[in-house]
Amino acid sequence: MFYKANKQGFKEALPGIRLKTLVFGEKTLFTEFRMDAGSVLPRHAHIHEQTGYLTKGKIRLTIGEETFEVEKGDSWCIQGNMEHSAEILKDSIAIEVFSPVREDYLQGYQST
């Protein structure tokens, strides 16, 4: 499967947080998040392991009981069923991989 970059197809996950599934396979899903400064991802957990890389901006990411100031070029990995949350400190873009595939992120998926 290939993905050709474009600015279409983002959907609002939460106020100020938009996501777009780029590509997925049998076991992994690759997603881009665009997040506005001041938005918040509330504390939550899911079965998916989540590995991310911040390509732009700055966020405060809490994984379990640890909090990190994440800046451009930093990365993280969140185990499945681990509670986590984020405060978006500057307009940010993150790329994340989920395993297993998040079925909820496939709704409305369109390849290019």
C-alpha atoms as a PDB file:
ATOM      1  CA  MET A   1       0.000   0.000   0.000  1.00  0.00           C
ATOM      2  CA  PHE A   2       1.272   3.476  -0.860  1.00  0.00           C
ATOM      3  CA  TYR A   3       0.205   6.887   0.367  1.00  0.00           C
ATOM      4  CA  LYS A   4       0.692  10.100  -1.629  1.00  0.00           C
ATOM      5  CA  ALA A   5       0.902  13.132   0.676  1.00  0.00           C
ATOM      6  CA  ASN A   6      -1.980  15.599   0.572  1.00  0.00           C
ATOM      7  CA  LYS A   7      -3.780  17.956   2.953  1.00  0.00           C
ATOM      8  CA  GLN A   8      -7.192  16.271   2.624  1.00  0.00           C
ATOM      9  CA  GLY A   9      -8.825  13.687   4.866  1.00  0.00           C
ATOM     10  CA  PHE A  10      -8.148  14.917   8.399  1.00  0.00           C
ATOM     11  CA  LYS A  11     -10.960  14.350  10.889  1.00  0.00           C
ATOM     12  CA  GLU A  12     -11.438  16.009  14.247  1.00  0.00           C
ATOM     13  CA  ALA A  13     -10.767  13.595  17.105  1.00  0.00           C
ATOM     14  CA  LEU A  14     -11.176  16.243  19.823  1.00  0.00           C
ATOM     15  CA  PRO A  15     -11.360  20.051  19.740  1.00  0.00           C
ATOM     16  CA  GLY A  16      -8.033  21.227  18.295  1.00  0.00           C
ATOM     17  CA  ILE A  17      -6.814  17.684  17.540  1.00  0.00           C
ATOM     18  CA  ARG A  18      -7.138  16.275  14.020  1.00  0.00           C
ATOM     19  CA  LEU A  19      -5.972  12.911  12.743  1.00  0.00           C
ATOM     20  CA  LYS A  20      -5.469  11.191   9.446  1.00  0.00           C
ATOM     21  CA  THR A  21      -4.690   7.527   8.853  1.00  0.00           C
ATOM     22  CA  LEU A  22      -1.919   7.452   6.254  1.00  0.00           C
ATOM     23  CA  VAL A  23      -1.420   3.721   5.662  1.00  0.00           C
ATOM     24  CA  PHE A  24      -2.053   0.460   7.484  1.00  0.00           C
ATOM     25  CA  GLY A  25      -1.215  -3.190   7.202  1.00  0.00           C
ATOM     26  CA  GLU A  26      -2.246  -6.386   8.881  1.00  0.00           C
ATOM     27  CA  LYS A  27      -0.608  -5.492  12.231  1.00  0.00           C
ATOM     28  CA  THR A  28       0.190  -1.754  12.220  1.00  0.00           C
ATOM     29  CA  LEU A  29      -1.467   1.566  11.438  1.00  0.00           C
ATOM     30  CA  PHE A  30       0.399   4.828  10.633  1.00  0.00           C
ATOM     31  CA  THR A  31      -1.312   8.118  11.585  1.00  0.00           C
ATOM     32  CA  GLU A  32      -0.599  11.853  11.431  1.00  0.00           C
ATOM     33  CA  PHE A  33      -1.944  14.091  14.196  1.00  0.00           C
ATOM     34  CA  ARG A  34      -2.207  17.877  13.865  1.00  0.00           C
ATOM     35  CA  MET A  35      -2.741  19.568  17.211  1.00  0.00           C
ATOM     36  CA  ASP A  36      -3.444  23.195  18.052  1.00  0.00           C
ATOM     37  CA  ALA A  37      -1.730  24.943  20.968  1.00  0.00           C
ATOM     38  CA  GLY A  38      -3.965  24.874  24.041  1.00  0.00           C
ATOM     39  CA  SER A  39      -5.781  21.659  23.142  1.00  0.00           C
ATOM     40  CA  VAL A  40      -5.802  18.691  25.507  1.00  0.00           C
ATOM     41  CA  LEU A  41      -5.862  14.941  25.020  1.00  0.00           C
ATOM     42  CA  PRO A  42      -7.540  13.663  28.213  1.00  0.00           C
ATOM     43  CA  ARG A  43      -6.098  10.770  30.207  1.00  0.00           C
ATOM     44  CA  HIS A  44      -7.114   7.479  28.595  1.00  0.00           C
ATOM     45  CA  ALA A  45      -5.892   3.978  27.749  1.00  0.00           C
ATOM     46  CA  HIS A  46      -6.447   1.485  24.924  1.00  0.00           C
ATOM     47  CA  ILE A  47      -5.169  -1.954  23.989  1.00  0.00           C
ATOM     48  CA  HIS A  48      -2.902  -0.599  21.250  1.00  0.00           C
ATOM     49  CA  GLU A  49       0.840  -0.097  21.633  1.00  0.00           C
ATOM     50  CA  GLN A  50       1.549   3.429  20.387  1.00  0.00           C
ATOM     51  CA  THR A  51       4.904   4.704  19.141  1.00  0.00           C
ATOM     52  CA  GLY A  52       5.256   8.347  18.161  1.00  0.00           C
ATOM     53  CA  TYR A  53       7.576  11.020  16.801  1.00  0.00           C
ATOM     54  CA  LEU A  54       7.032  14.788  17.055  1.00  0.00           C
ATOM     55  CA  THR A  55       7.835  16.495  13.742  1.00  0.00           C
ATOM     56  CA  LYS A  56       6.764  20.004  14.816  1.00  0.00           C
ATOM     57  CA  GLY A  57       5.872  21.872  17.985  1.00  0.00           C
ATOM     58  CA  LYS A  58       5.917  21.050  21.678  1.00  0.00           C
ATOM     59  CA  ILE A  59       3.667  18.929  23.891  1.00  0.00           C
ATOM     60  CA  ARG A  60       3.582  17.825  27.521  1.00  0.00           C
ATOM     61  CA  LEU A  61       3.037  14.056  27.404  1.00  0.00           C
ATOM     62  CA  THR A  62       2.155  12.001  30.473  1.00  0.00           C
ATOM     63  CA  ILE A  63       2.605   8.231  30.276  1.00  0.00           C
ATOM     64  CA  GLY A  64       1.548   6.443  33.439  1.00  0.00           C
ATOM     65  CA  GLU A  65       2.926   8.660  36.217  1.00  0.00           C
ATOM     66  CA  GLU A  66       5.798  10.176  34.188  1.00  0.00           C
ATOM     67  CA  THR A  67       5.528  13.517  32.383  1.00  0.00           C
ATOM     68  CA  PHE A  68       7.804  14.622  29.534  1.00  0.00           C
ATOM     69  CA  GLU A  69       8.258  17.900  27.653  1.00  0.00           C
ATOM     70  CA  VAL A  70       8.344  16.583  24.079  1.00  0.00           C
ATOM     71  CA  GLU A  71       9.853  18.796  21.365  1.00  0.00           C
ATOM     72  CA  LYS A  72      10.493  18.421  17.634  1.00  0.00           C
ATOM     73  CA  GLY A  73      12.604  15.303  17.022  1.00  0.00           C
ATOM     74  CA  ASP A  74      11.632  13.534  20.268  1.00  0.00           C
ATOM     75  CA  SER A  75       9.849  10.180  20.278  1.00  0.00           C
ATOM     76  CA  TRP A  76       7.957   7.902  22.669  1.00  0.00           C
ATOM     77  CA  CYS A  77       6.411   4.468  23.060  1.00  0.00           C
ATOM     78  CA  ILE A  78       3.277   3.774  25.108  1.00  0.00           C
ATOM     79  CA  GLN A  79       2.514   0.179  26.051  1.00  0.00           C
ATOM     80  CA  GLY A  80      -0.986  -1.153  25.467  1.00  0.00           C
ATOM     81  CA  ASN A  81      -3.448  -0.450  28.308  1.00  0.00           C
ATOM     82  CA  MET A  82      -1.146   2.258  29.753  1.00  0.00           C
ATOM     83  CA  GLU A  83      -2.924   5.472  30.738  1.00  0.00           C
ATOM     84  CA  HIS A  84      -1.612   8.571  28.965  1.00  0.00           C
ATOM     85  CA  SER A  85      -2.566  12.183  28.204  1.00  0.00           C
ATOM     86  CA  ALA A  86      -1.146  15.254  26.479  1.00  0.00           C
ATOM     87  CA  GLU A  87      -1.265  19.032  26.693  1.00  0.00           C
ATOM     88  CA  ILE A  88      -0.425  20.781  23.445  1.00  0.00           C
ATOM     89  CA  LEU A  89       1.950  23.658  24.257  1.00  0.00           C
ATOM     90  CA  LYS A  90       2.641  24.822  20.664  1.00  0.00           C
ATOM     91  CA  ASP A  91       0.977  23.952  17.358  1.00  0.00           C
ATOM     92  CA  SER A  92       2.276  20.428  16.779  1.00  0.00           C
ATOM     93  CA  ILE A  93       2.417  17.548  14.331  1.00  0.00           C
ATOM     94  CA  ALA A  94       3.012  13.973  15.491  1.00  0.00           C
ATOM     95  CA  ILE A  95       3.374  10.770  13.502  1.00  0.00           C
ATOM     96  CA  GLU A  96       2.289   7.630  15.345  1.00  0.00           C
ATOM     97  CA  VAL A  97       2.191   3.901  14.738  1.00  0.00           C
ATOM     98  CA  PHE A  98      -0.435   1.743  16.454  1.00  0.00           C
ATOM     99  CA  SER A  99      -0.408  -2.025  16.867  1.00  0.00           C
ATOM    100  CA  PRO A 100      -2.724  -3.808  16.492  1.00  0.00           C
ATOM    101  CA  VAL A 101      -4.554  -1.763  13.842  1.00  0.00           C
ATOM    102  CA  ARG A 102      -7.038   0.699  15.354  1.00  0.00           C
ATOM    103  CA  GLU A 103     -10.298  -0.148  13.632  1.00  0.00           C
ATOM    104  CA  ASP A 104     -11.803   3.171  14.784  1.00  0.00           C
ATOM    105  CA  TYR A 105      -9.115   5.019  12.776  1.00  0.00           C
ATOM    106  CA  LEU A 106     -10.140   3.236   9.579  1.00  0.00           C
ATOM    107  CA  GLN A 107     -13.603   4.857   9.493  1.00  0.00           C
ATOM    108  CA  GLY A 108     -13.713   7.095   6.434  1.00  0.00           C
ATOM    109  CA  TYR A 109     -10.198   6.047   5.355  1.00  0.00           C
ATOM    110  CA  GLN A 110      -9.391   6.911   1.742  1.00  0.00           C
ATOM    111  CA  SER A 111      -6.111   6.025   0.079  1.00  0.00           C
ATOM    112  CA  THR A 112      -4.760   8.243  -2.671  1.00  0.00           C
END
